[in-house]
Amino acid sequence: MNPSITSLLQQAVPLQAYLLLSAVLFTLGVIGFLVKRNLITVFMSIELMLNAVNLSFVTFAHQWHAVKGQIFVFFVMMVAAAEAAVGLAIIIAVFRARATLAVDRIDLMKL
């Protein structure tokens, strides 16, 4: 690719746009976590917050030409995948035991 086209593509979206998108996604995740009462929606809000933080890490890693941020994103994605597997298993177990996914109606950890 032509070097001038490469530099133009790199300058097309400023750093602030990525950080603003990350902040909006994180805010939507926090609002979803605090407002919604469905366990699946709360779980998806947590995943949205993790992905917003990952976007910030990748943005700063690209800005500073450092690989450390991208490596940290990889580890966060591994933790999110493990959380998704364990979290969904817990959600299924709660639904089978209580027949509801409403957070207000699940008051005991004991099944």
N, C-alpha and C. Protein backbone atom coordinates (compact mmCIF):
# COMPACT_ATOMS: atom_id res chain seq x y z
N MET A 1 0.84 -1.17 0.00
CA MET A 1 0.00 0.00 0.00
C MET A 1 0.89 1.23 0.00
N ASN A 2 0.41 2.26 -0.62
CA ASN A 2 1.13 3.52 -0.71
C ASN A 2 1.31 4.13 0.68
N PRO A 3 2.52 4.60 1.02
CA PRO A 3 2.73 5.16 2.36
C PRO A 3 1.83 6.35 2.68
N SER A 4 1.51 7.17 1.67
CA SER A 4 0.65 8.32 1.94
C SER A 4 -0.78 7.88 2.25
N ILE A 5 -1.25 6.79 1.61
CA ILE A 5 -2.58 6.26 1.90
C ILE A 5 -2.61 5.65 3.29
N THR A 6 -1.53 4.97 3.67
CA THR A 6 -1.45 4.38 5.00
C THR A 6 -1.49 5.45 6.08
N SER A 7 -0.73 6.52 5.90
CA SER A 7 -0.75 7.60 6.89
C SER A 7 -2.10 8.30 6.92
N LEU A 8 -2.78 8.41 5.78
CA LEU A 8 -4.10 9.02 5.74
C LEU A 8 -5.12 8.16 6.49
N LEU A 9 -5.03 6.84 6.32
CA LEU A 9 -5.94 5.95 7.02
C LEU A 9 -5.70 5.98 8.52
N GLN A 10 -4.46 6.12 8.93
CA GLN A 10 -4.15 6.17 10.36
C GLN A 10 -4.63 7.47 10.99
N GLN A 11 -4.69 8.54 10.22
CA GLN A 11 -5.12 9.83 10.74
C GLN A 11 -6.62 10.06 10.59
N ALA A 12 -7.34 9.13 9.96
CA ALA A 12 -8.75 9.35 9.65
C ALA A 12 -9.61 9.43 10.90
N VAL A 13 -9.37 8.59 11.88
CA VAL A 13 -10.17 8.58 13.11
C VAL A 13 -9.25 8.98 14.26
N PRO A 14 -9.59 10.08 14.95
CA PRO A 14 -8.71 10.52 16.04
C PRO A 14 -8.85 9.63 17.28
N LEU A 15 -7.86 9.75 18.15
CA LEU A 15 -7.83 8.98 19.39
C LEU A 15 -9.05 9.26 20.26
N GLN A 16 -9.48 10.50 20.29
CA GLN A 16 -10.61 10.89 21.12
C GLN A 16 -11.89 10.18 20.71
N ALA A 17 -12.06 9.87 19.44
CA ALA A 17 -13.27 9.19 18.97
C ALA A 17 -13.35 7.77 19.55
N TYR A 18 -12.22 7.08 19.57
CA TYR A 18 -12.19 5.74 20.15
C TYR A 18 -12.46 5.77 21.65
N LEU A 19 -11.86 6.75 22.32
CA LEU A 19 -12.06 6.86 23.76
C LEU A 19 -13.49 7.28 24.10
N LEU A 20 -14.08 8.14 23.27
CA LEU A 20 -15.48 8.51 23.47
C LEU A 20 -16.40 7.32 23.27
N LEU A 21 -16.14 6.53 22.23
CA LEU A 21 -16.92 5.32 22.00
C LEU A 21 -16.78 4.35 23.17
N SER A 22 -15.57 4.21 23.66
CA SER A 22 -15.34 3.33 24.81
C SER A 22 -16.09 3.82 26.04
N ALA A 23 -16.07 5.12 26.27
CA ALA A 23 -16.78 5.69 27.42
C ALA A 23 -18.29 5.51 27.28
N VAL A 24 -18.82 5.68 26.08
CA VAL A 24 -20.25 5.49 25.85
C VAL A 24 -20.64 4.04 26.08
N LEU A 25 -19.85 3.10 25.55
CA LEU A 25 -20.14 1.69 25.75
C LEU A 25 -20.07 1.30 27.22
N PHE A 26 -19.07 1.83 27.92
CA PHE A 26 -18.94 1.51 29.34
C PHE A 26 -20.13 2.08 30.13
N THR A 27 -20.54 3.31 29.79
CA THR A 27 -21.68 3.93 30.46
C THR A 27 -22.96 3.14 30.20
N LEU A 28 -23.15 2.69 28.97
CA LEU A 28 -24.33 1.87 28.67
C LEU A 28 -24.30 0.56 29.45
N GLY A 29 -23.12 -0.01 29.61
CA GLY A 29 -22.99 -1.23 30.41
C GLY A 29 -23.32 -1.00 31.87
N VAL A 30 -22.86 0.12 32.42
CA VAL A 30 -23.16 0.43 33.83
C VAL A 30 -24.65 0.68 34.01
N ILE A 31 -25.25 1.42 33.08
CA ILE A 31 -26.69 1.68 33.16
C ILE A 31 -27.47 0.38 33.07
N GLY A 32 -27.09 -0.48 32.14
CA GLY A 32 -27.76 -1.77 32.01
C GLY A 32 -27.60 -2.62 33.25
N PHE A 33 -26.44 -2.56 33.86
CA PHE A 33 -26.19 -3.34 35.08
C PHE A 33 -27.03 -2.83 36.25
N LEU A 34 -27.17 -1.52 36.36
CA LEU A 34 -27.89 -0.94 37.49
C LEU A 34 -29.41 -0.94 37.31
N VAL A 35 -29.87 -0.83 36.08
CA VAL A 35 -31.31 -0.65 35.84
C VAL A 35 -32.03 -1.96 35.58
N LYS A 36 -31.45 -2.82 34.79
CA LYS A 36 -32.15 -4.03 34.37
C LYS A 36 -32.25 -5.03 35.51
N ARG A 37 -33.31 -5.83 35.47
CA ARG A 37 -33.55 -6.82 36.51
C ARG A 37 -33.49 -8.25 35.99
N ASN A 38 -33.15 -8.42 34.73
CA ASN A 38 -33.02 -9.75 34.16
C ASN A 38 -31.56 -10.18 34.28
N LEU A 39 -31.33 -11.40 34.72
CA LEU A 39 -29.96 -11.88 34.94
C LEU A 39 -29.15 -11.93 33.65
N ILE A 40 -29.79 -12.29 32.55
CA ILE A 40 -29.09 -12.33 31.25
C ILE A 40 -28.67 -10.92 30.83
N THR A 41 -29.54 -9.94 31.02
CA THR A 41 -29.21 -8.56 30.65
C THR A 41 -28.08 -8.02 31.52
N VAL A 42 -28.09 -8.34 32.79
CA VAL A 42 -27.01 -7.92 33.69
C VAL A 42 -25.69 -8.55 33.23
N PHE A 43 -25.74 -9.81 32.86
CA PHE A 43 -24.55 -10.52 32.38
C PHE A 43 -24.02 -9.88 31.09
N MET A 44 -24.92 -9.54 30.17
CA MET A 44 -24.50 -8.89 28.92
C MET A 44 -23.94 -7.49 29.18
N SER A 45 -24.45 -6.80 30.19
CA SER A 45 -23.93 -5.48 30.53
C SER A 45 -22.50 -5.56 31.06
N ILE A 46 -22.22 -6.59 31.84
CA ILE A 46 -20.86 -6.79 32.33
C ILE A 46 -19.91 -7.06 31.16
N GLU A 47 -20.35 -7.87 30.21
CA GLU A 47 -19.52 -8.14 29.03
C GLU A 47 -19.30 -6.87 28.21
N LEU A 48 -20.31 -6.01 28.12
CA LEU A 48 -20.18 -4.75 27.40
C LEU A 48 -19.15 -3.85 28.07
N MET A 49 -19.15 -3.83 29.39
CA MET A 49 -18.15 -3.03 30.11
C MET A 49 -16.75 -3.57 29.88
N LEU A 50 -16.59 -4.89 29.89
CA LEU A 50 -15.26 -5.48 29.62
C LEU A 50 -14.78 -5.13 28.22
N ASN A 51 -15.67 -5.18 27.24
CA ASN A 51 -15.27 -4.85 25.87
C ASN A 51 -14.96 -3.36 25.71
N ALA A 52 -15.63 -2.50 26.46
CA ALA A 52 -15.32 -1.08 26.41
C ALA A 52 -13.91 -0.81 26.95
N VAL A 53 -13.56 -1.50 28.02
CA VAL A 53 -12.21 -1.35 28.57
C VAL A 53 -11.18 -1.90 27.59
N ASN A 54 -11.50 -3.00 26.93
CA ASN A 54 -10.59 -3.56 25.93
C ASN A 54 -10.36 -2.58 24.79
N LEU A 55 -11.40 -1.88 24.37
CA LEU A 55 -11.25 -0.88 23.31
C LEU A 55 -10.29 0.22 23.75
N SER A 56 -10.38 0.64 24.99
CA SER A 56 -9.45 1.66 25.50
C SER A 56 -8.02 1.15 25.52
N PHE A 57 -7.84 -0.10 25.97
CA PHE A 57 -6.49 -0.67 25.99
C PHE A 57 -5.89 -0.74 24.59
N VAL A 58 -6.67 -1.18 23.62
CA VAL A 58 -6.16 -1.28 22.25
C VAL A 58 -5.87 0.11 21.69
N THR A 59 -6.70 1.07 22.01
CA THR A 59 -6.49 2.44 21.53
C THR A 59 -5.17 3.00 22.05
N PHE A 60 -4.95 2.87 23.35
CA PHE A 60 -3.70 3.39 23.91
C PHE A 60 -2.49 2.59 23.44
N ALA A 61 -2.65 1.29 23.27
CA ALA A 61 -1.53 0.48 22.77
C ALA A 61 -1.15 0.92 21.36
N HIS A 62 -2.15 1.23 20.54
CA HIS A 62 -1.86 1.70 19.18
C HIS A 62 -1.23 3.09 19.22
N GLN A 63 -1.73 3.95 20.08
CA GLN A 63 -1.21 5.31 20.17
C GLN A 63 0.24 5.34 20.62
N TRP A 64 0.59 4.51 21.60
CA TRP A 64 1.94 4.51 22.14
C TRP A 64 2.85 3.47 21.49
N HIS A 65 2.35 2.77 20.48
CA HIS A 65 3.13 1.75 19.76
C HIS A 65 3.70 0.71 20.73
N ALA A 66 2.85 0.27 21.65
CA ALA A 66 3.25 -0.72 22.65
C ALA A 66 2.37 -1.95 22.50
N VAL A 67 2.97 -3.09 22.69
CA VAL A 67 2.24 -4.35 22.56
C VAL A 67 1.62 -4.76 23.91
N LYS A 68 2.06 -4.14 24.98
CA LYS A 68 1.59 -4.52 26.31
C LYS A 68 0.07 -4.40 26.44
N GLY A 69 -0.50 -3.34 25.90
CA GLY A 69 -1.95 -3.17 25.98
C GLY A 69 -2.70 -4.25 25.24
N GLN A 70 -2.19 -4.65 24.08
CA GLN A 70 -2.84 -5.71 23.31
C GLN A 70 -2.71 -7.06 24.01
N ILE A 71 -1.60 -7.29 24.66
CA ILE A 71 -1.43 -8.54 25.42
C ILE A 71 -2.39 -8.56 26.60
N PHE A 72 -2.54 -7.40 27.26
CA PHE A 72 -3.48 -7.31 28.38
C PHE A 72 -4.91 -7.56 27.89
N VAL A 73 -5.25 -7.06 26.71
CA VAL A 73 -6.58 -7.30 26.13
C VAL A 73 -6.79 -8.79 25.90
N PHE A 74 -5.76 -9.47 25.45
CA PHE A 74 -5.86 -10.91 25.24
C PHE A 74 -6.21 -11.64 26.54
N PHE A 75 -5.55 -11.25 27.63
CA PHE A 75 -5.84 -11.88 28.92
C PHE A 75 -7.24 -11.52 29.41
N VAL A 76 -7.67 -10.28 29.20
CA VAL A 76 -9.02 -9.90 29.59
C VAL A 76 -10.04 -10.69 28.79
N MET A 77 -9.78 -10.93 27.52
CA MET A 77 -10.70 -11.73 26.70
C MET A 77 -10.75 -13.18 27.19
N MET A 78 -9.62 -13.71 27.64
CA MET A 78 -9.63 -15.07 28.19
C MET A 78 -10.45 -15.14 29.46
N VAL A 79 -10.31 -14.14 30.32
CA VAL A 79 -11.10 -14.11 31.55
C VAL A 79 -12.59 -13.93 31.23
N ALA A 80 -12.90 -13.11 30.24
CA ALA A 80 -14.30 -12.90 29.84
C ALA A 80 -14.90 -14.19 29.27
N ALA A 81 -14.11 -14.95 28.53
CA ALA A 81 -14.62 -16.22 28.00
C ALA A 81 -14.87 -17.22 29.12
N ALA A 82 -13.97 -17.27 30.09
CA ALA A 82 -14.18 -18.16 31.23
C ALA A 82 -15.38 -17.70 32.05
N GLU A 83 -15.51 -16.40 32.20
CA GLU A 83 -16.66 -15.85 32.93
C GLU A 83 -17.96 -16.18 32.21
N ALA A 84 -17.94 -16.10 30.90
CA ALA A 84 -19.15 -16.42 30.13
C ALA A 84 -19.54 -17.88 30.32
N ALA A 85 -18.58 -18.76 30.29
CA ALA A 85 -18.89 -20.19 30.44
C ALA A 85 -19.43 -20.49 31.83
N VAL A 86 -18.73 -20.00 32.84
CA VAL A 86 -19.16 -20.26 34.22
C VAL A 86 -20.45 -19.51 34.53
N GLY A 87 -20.53 -18.27 34.09
CA GLY A 87 -21.73 -17.46 34.35
C GLY A 87 -22.97 -18.03 33.71
N LEU A 88 -22.86 -18.48 32.48
CA LEU A 88 -24.03 -19.07 31.82
C LEU A 88 -24.43 -20.38 32.50
N ALA A 89 -23.47 -21.14 32.96
CA ALA A 89 -23.81 -22.37 33.69
C ALA A 89 -24.55 -22.05 34.99
N ILE A 90 -24.12 -21.01 35.69
CA ILE A 90 -24.80 -20.60 36.91
C ILE A 90 -26.20 -20.09 36.60
N ILE A 91 -26.34 -19.32 35.53
CA ILE A 91 -27.65 -18.80 35.14
C ILE A 91 -28.61 -19.94 34.80
N ILE A 92 -28.13 -20.93 34.09
CA ILE A 92 -28.97 -22.09 33.76
C ILE A 92 -29.37 -22.84 35.03
N ALA A 93 -28.44 -23.01 35.95
CA ALA A 93 -28.76 -23.70 37.20
C ALA A 93 -29.78 -22.92 38.03
N VAL A 94 -29.64 -21.60 38.07
CA VAL A 94 -30.60 -20.77 38.81
C VAL A 94 -31.97 -20.85 38.15
N PHE A 95 -32.01 -20.80 36.84
CA PHE A 95 -33.30 -20.86 36.15
C PHE A 95 -33.99 -22.20 36.37
N ARG A 96 -33.23 -23.27 36.35
CA ARG A 96 -33.82 -24.59 36.58
C ARG A 96 -34.34 -24.72 38.01
N ALA A 97 -33.65 -24.13 38.96
CA ALA A 97 -34.07 -24.25 40.35
C ALA A 97 -35.20 -23.29 40.71
N ARG A 98 -35.18 -22.07 40.17
CA ARG A 98 -36.14 -21.04 40.57
C ARG A 98 -37.20 -20.74 39.52
N ALA A 99 -36.99 -21.16 38.28
CA ALA A 99 -37.90 -20.89 37.16
C ALA A 99 -38.06 -19.40 36.90
N THR A 100 -37.06 -18.61 37.22
CA THR A 100 -37.08 -17.18 36.94
C THR A 100 -35.65 -16.69 36.78
N LEU A 101 -35.51 -15.59 36.04
CA LEU A 101 -34.21 -14.94 35.90
C LEU A 101 -34.25 -13.52 36.44
N ALA A 102 -35.32 -13.16 37.15
CA ALA A 102 -35.42 -11.83 37.73
C ALA A 102 -34.47 -11.72 38.92
N VAL A 103 -33.65 -10.70 38.92
CA VAL A 103 -32.65 -10.53 39.97
C VAL A 103 -33.33 -10.29 41.32
N ASP A 104 -34.46 -9.60 41.32
CA ASP A 104 -35.16 -9.32 42.57
C ASP A 104 -35.71 -10.58 43.23
N ARG A 105 -36.03 -11.58 42.44
CA ARG A 105 -36.64 -12.78 43.00
C ARG A 105 -35.61 -13.85 43.37
N ILE A 106 -34.37 -13.62 43.04
CA ILE A 106 -33.29 -14.56 43.40
C ILE A 106 -32.58 -13.95 44.60
N ASP A 107 -32.98 -14.35 45.80
CA ASP A 107 -32.43 -13.74 46.98
C ASP A 107 -31.48 -14.63 47.76
N LEU A 108 -31.44 -15.89 47.44
CA LEU A 108 -30.55 -16.81 48.15
C LEU A 108 -29.56 -17.42 47.17
N MET A 109 -28.35 -17.59 47.62
CA MET A 109 -27.35 -18.27 46.79
C MET A 109 -27.53 -19.77 46.83
N LYS A 110 -28.18 -20.24 47.87
CA LYS A 110 -28.39 -21.67 48.03
C LYS A 110 -29.51 -22.13 47.11
N LEU A 111 -29.25 -23.15 46.30
CA LEU A 111 -30.28 -23.67 45.40
C LEU A 111 -31.08 -24.70 46.13
